[in-house]
Amino acid sequence: MLPTPKAPPFPGLRPRFLMFNADSIASQTRREFGGDVTAALHILPIYYQRIWQKQPGRLPEKVTGQMLMFYVPYCRAYDPRFTRNLGDQYQLGVVSLSDPMCRKVWSAYSPAVDFMTRTEELARRGLR
C-alpha cells in the first residue's frame, strides 16, 4: 500500500471528498449507474471526445495536473524538475549499431533503416 501524502499537493484539493463524499462526482456516478461500473465506463469516450472538441487545450493540462498530483508524490520519475539528456542515450544506440557488421544486417531490413534514421535524428536533437 502506498503512503498517503501528509498534505494535498495542491491547495484546496480534497482527494477523500472527490472519492467518497456523497456530493462528489464519483458518488453521483455510482448512484446514477446503480453501481454498474461497466455502464459508467461507457460514458468516458463521450466525455473525452467532448473535451477534445470543445476545449482541446484543457485535456493535456488536466492530465499533467493529475500526473503531478497522483504520481509525483510516489515516483520521482514523473517529476518535471528532473531531466535526463536522452540525446546521449540515442547517440549510444547509433554508435553501437553503426558497426559495419551490424549495419550490413539491419540495412537490408527497411523497418530497421527507418528506425535508425529516426534514432540518428533524435541523437542530433539532444532531447531532454
Protein backbone atom coordinates (compact mmCIF):
# COMPACT_ATOMS: atom_id res chain seq x y z
CA MET A 1 0.00 0.00 0.00
CA LEU A 2 1.31 3.46 -0.92
CA PRO A 3 1.77 6.02 1.83
CA THR A 4 -0.74 8.85 1.98
CA PRO A 5 0.86 12.28 1.44
CA LYS A 6 0.83 14.43 4.59
CA ALA A 7 -0.89 17.33 2.81
CA PRO A 8 -2.61 17.55 -0.56
CA PRO A 9 -0.07 18.58 -3.21
CA PHE A 10 -2.38 21.36 -4.41
CA PRO A 11 -4.15 23.87 -2.13
CA GLY A 12 -7.87 23.24 -1.90
CA LEU A 13 -7.64 19.67 -3.17
CA ARG A 14 -9.51 17.20 -1.04
CA PRO A 15 -8.99 13.73 -2.53
CA ARG A 16 -11.21 12.00 0.04
CA PHE A 17 -14.06 14.37 -0.83
CA LEU A 18 -13.60 13.64 -4.53
CA MET A 19 -13.79 9.90 -3.96
CA PHE A 20 -16.13 9.37 -1.03
CA ASN A 21 -18.31 12.41 -0.27
CA ALA A 22 -21.99 11.91 -1.13
CA ASP A 23 -21.88 15.01 -3.36
CA SER A 24 -18.71 14.04 -5.24
CA ILE A 25 -18.76 13.13 -8.91
CA ALA A 26 -17.61 9.60 -8.08
CA SER A 27 -20.52 9.07 -5.69
CA GLN A 28 -23.02 10.66 -8.06
CA THR A 29 -21.83 8.45 -10.91
CA ARG A 30 -22.13 5.33 -8.75
CA ARG A 31 -25.71 6.31 -7.83
CA GLU A 32 -26.71 7.23 -11.37
CA PHE A 33 -25.46 3.96 -12.81
CA GLY A 34 -26.62 1.86 -9.86
CA GLY A 35 -23.08 0.80 -9.02
CA ASP A 36 -22.60 -0.69 -12.52
CA VAL A 37 -19.00 0.29 -13.20
CA THR A 38 -19.06 -1.11 -16.75
CA ALA A 39 -22.03 1.07 -17.68
CA ALA A 40 -20.38 4.10 -16.11
CA LEU A 41 -17.20 3.47 -18.11
CA HIS A 42 -19.14 3.62 -21.38
CA ILE A 43 -19.67 7.34 -20.83
CA LEU A 44 -15.92 8.07 -20.74
CA PRO A 45 -15.29 8.01 -24.52
CA ILE A 46 -18.11 10.52 -24.97
CA TYR A 47 -16.69 12.66 -22.16
CA TYR A 48 -13.18 12.71 -23.63
CA GLN A 49 -14.42 13.29 -27.18
CA ARG A 50 -16.37 16.31 -25.97
CA ILE A 51 -13.32 17.68 -24.16
CA TRP A 52 -11.19 17.34 -27.30
CA GLN A 53 -13.84 19.07 -29.41
CA LYS A 54 -14.84 21.88 -27.04
CA GLN A 55 -11.65 22.59 -25.07
CA PRO A 56 -8.69 20.80 -26.70
CA GLY A 57 -6.07 22.63 -24.64
CA ARG A 58 -7.61 21.55 -21.35
CA LEU A 59 -7.04 17.80 -21.65
CA PRO A 60 -3.22 17.90 -21.66
CA GLU A 61 -3.47 20.41 -18.81
CA LYS A 62 -5.77 18.05 -16.91
CA VAL A 63 -3.54 15.00 -17.48
CA THR A 64 -0.45 16.96 -16.43
CA GLY A 65 -2.18 18.09 -13.25
CA GLN A 66 -3.26 14.54 -12.46
CA MET A 67 0.27 13.23 -13.05
CA LEU A 68 1.66 15.88 -10.70
CA MET A 69 -0.99 15.14 -8.11
CA PHE A 70 -1.13 11.36 -8.10
CA TYR A 71 2.20 10.09 -9.45
CA VAL A 72 4.95 12.56 -8.49
CA PRO A 73 4.49 12.14 -4.71
CA TYR A 74 5.21 8.41 -5.10
CA CYS A 75 7.59 8.22 -8.07
CA ARG A 76 10.16 10.90 -8.83
CA ALA A 77 10.47 9.66 -12.44
CA TYR A 78 7.39 11.79 -13.24
CA ASP A 79 8.77 14.92 -11.59
CA PRO A 80 9.29 17.57 -14.31
CA ARG A 81 12.16 19.13 -12.32
CA PHE A 82 14.37 16.13 -13.07
CA THR A 83 15.61 15.76 -16.61
CA ARG A 84 17.97 13.46 -18.41
CA ASN A 85 19.75 14.09 -21.66
CA LEU A 86 18.23 11.46 -23.92
CA GLY A 87 20.29 12.59 -26.91
CA ASP A 88 23.33 10.92 -25.35
CA GLN A 89 21.41 7.68 -24.97
CA TYR A 90 20.23 7.78 -28.58
CA GLN A 91 23.80 8.52 -29.68
CA LEU A 92 25.00 5.39 -27.85
CA GLY A 93 22.43 3.37 -29.76
CA VAL A 94 23.56 4.83 -33.07
CA VAL A 95 27.21 4.14 -32.30
CA SER A 96 26.56 0.57 -31.19
CA LEU A 97 24.56 -0.24 -34.34
CA SER A 98 26.93 1.57 -36.72
CA ASP A 99 29.49 -1.22 -36.65
CA PRO A 100 29.91 -2.38 -40.28
CA MET A 101 28.82 -5.91 -39.41
CA CYS A 102 25.62 -4.68 -37.70
CA ARG A 103 24.92 -2.13 -40.43
CA LYS A 104 25.11 -4.85 -43.09
CA VAL A 105 22.41 -6.84 -41.28
CA TRP A 106 19.94 -4.06 -40.47
CA SER A 107 20.37 -2.09 -43.72
CA ALA A 108 18.69 -4.96 -45.59
CA TYR A 109 15.53 -4.54 -43.48
CA SER A 110 13.58 -1.36 -44.27
CA PRO A 111 11.87 -1.01 -40.84
CA ALA A 112 15.34 -1.12 -39.23
CA VAL A 113 16.58 1.54 -41.65
CA ASP A 114 13.61 3.75 -40.69
CA PHE A 115 14.31 3.10 -37.02
CA MET A 116 17.98 4.07 -37.39
CA THR A 117 17.08 7.22 -39.34
CA ARG A 118 14.73 8.31 -36.54
CA THR A 119 17.27 7.37 -33.85
CA GLU A 120 20.00 9.39 -35.59
CA GLU A 121 17.67 12.39 -35.76
CA LEU A 122 16.83 12.07 -32.04
CA ALA A 123 20.55 11.80 -31.22
CA ARG A 124 21.22 15.05 -33.12
CA ARG A 125 18.45 16.91 -31.26
CA GLY A 126 19.86 16.21 -27.81
CA LEU A 127 16.42 15.72 -26.24
CA ARG A 128 15.90 16.13 -22.52
